[in-house]
Amino acid sequence: MTIEFTSRRHVVAASRVAFEATVEGKEVWCSVSIDALNDHFGNTGTSSHDLIAAFEGNRRKIEDAARRVLQRNGGQSVELETRDFH
């Protein structure tokens, strides 16, 4: 399964950072929760700027977790939570 991540990302409802992947040529949205950013990536703020900074500073680890879930779920949308980073 070919999975690539684009540079498109944004904060959703101030509690998740959504980011785009392309799976076998199809656009798929993924997201990571503020709890996961707080618990695993040192985020302490709640502003869009804080969340995007935590995401960008840990992008590779977050995308690696999303890739694992995308491979397991056949390329469907992913909502990463704290448990996905253990």
Protein backbone atom coordinates (compact mmCIF):
# COMPACT_ATOMS: atom_id res chain seq x y z
CA MET A 1 0.00 0.00 0.00
CA THR A 2 1.48 3.36 -1.04
CA ILE A 3 1.01 6.04 1.63
CA GLU A 4 2.32 9.61 1.33
CA PHE A 5 1.64 12.61 3.54
CA THR A 6 1.02 16.07 2.10
CA SER A 7 1.80 19.39 3.76
CA ARG A 8 -1.90 20.15 4.30
CA ARG A 9 -2.79 20.35 7.98
CA HIS A 10 -5.02 22.45 10.24
CA VAL A 11 -6.51 22.55 13.71
CA VAL A 12 -10.01 21.15 14.01
CA ALA A 13 -12.28 22.43 16.78
CA ALA A 14 -9.20 23.42 18.84
CA SER A 15 -8.75 19.84 20.00
CA ARG A 16 -7.23 18.00 17.04
CA VAL A 17 -4.72 18.63 14.29
CA ALA A 18 -5.97 17.25 10.99
CA PHE A 19 -3.48 16.29 8.30
CA GLU A 20 -3.80 14.80 4.85
CA ALA A 21 -2.42 11.57 3.47
CA THR A 22 -2.64 10.13 0.01
CA VAL A 23 -3.33 6.39 0.06
CA GLU A 24 -3.10 4.64 -3.29
CA GLY A 25 -3.83 8.00 -4.96
CA LYS A 26 -6.87 8.77 -2.77
CA GLU A 27 -6.91 11.72 -0.34
CA VAL A 28 -7.54 10.62 3.24
CA TRP A 29 -7.73 12.90 6.27
CA CYS A 30 -6.05 11.89 9.49
CA SER A 31 -5.96 13.67 12.83
CA VAL A 32 -4.17 13.58 16.16
CA SER A 33 -5.83 14.55 19.43
CA ILE A 34 -4.68 17.29 21.78
CA ASP A 35 -4.39 14.59 24.49
CA ALA A 36 -1.88 12.66 22.38
CA LEU A 37 0.06 15.88 21.66
CA ASN A 38 0.09 16.66 25.41
CA ASP A 39 0.88 13.13 26.61
CA HIS A 40 3.59 12.21 24.11
CA PHE A 41 4.93 15.35 22.47
CA GLY A 42 5.20 17.95 25.24
CA ASN A 43 2.38 20.23 24.14
CA THR A 44 1.08 22.42 26.97
CA GLY A 45 -0.99 25.00 25.12
CA THR A 46 -4.44 25.08 23.59
CA SER A 47 -4.05 27.66 20.82
CA SER A 48 -3.95 26.69 17.17
CA HIS A 49 -0.34 27.87 17.09
CA ASP A 50 0.59 25.58 20.02
CA LEU A 51 -1.07 22.55 18.47
CA ILE A 52 0.45 23.07 15.02
CA ALA A 53 3.90 23.63 16.59
CA ALA A 54 3.62 20.37 18.56
CA PHE A 55 2.49 18.56 15.41
CA GLU A 56 5.25 19.99 13.21
CA GLY A 57 7.92 19.30 15.83
CA ASN A 58 6.89 15.64 15.94
CA ARG A 59 5.52 15.17 12.46
CA ARG A 60 7.55 12.09 11.59
CA LYS A 61 6.46 10.14 14.70
CA ILE A 62 2.84 11.16 14.20
CA GLU A 63 2.90 10.22 10.51
CA ASP A 64 4.56 6.89 11.37
CA ALA A 65 1.69 6.12 13.78
CA ALA A 66 -0.87 7.17 11.17
CA ARG A 67 0.85 4.98 8.56
CA ARG A 68 0.59 1.93 10.87
CA VAL A 69 -3.13 2.54 11.40
CA LEU A 70 -3.75 3.23 7.69
CA GLN A 71 -2.10 -0.07 6.80
CA ARG A 72 -4.24 -1.93 9.35
CA ASN A 73 -7.53 -0.28 8.39
CA GLY A 74 -7.15 -0.46 4.62
CA GLY A 75 -6.53 3.24 4.08
CA GLN A 76 -9.56 4.72 5.85
CA SER A 77 -9.50 7.98 7.82
CA VAL A 78 -7.49 7.86 11.04
CA GLU A 79 -8.09 9.62 14.35
CA LEU A 80 -4.96 9.12 16.45
CA GLU A 81 -5.33 9.10 20.21
CA THR A 82 -2.88 8.68 23.09
CA ARG A 83 -3.12 4.86 22.88
CA ASP A 84 -1.75 4.91 19.32
CA PHE A 85 1.66 6.05 20.57
CA HIS A 86 2.44 3.33 23.14
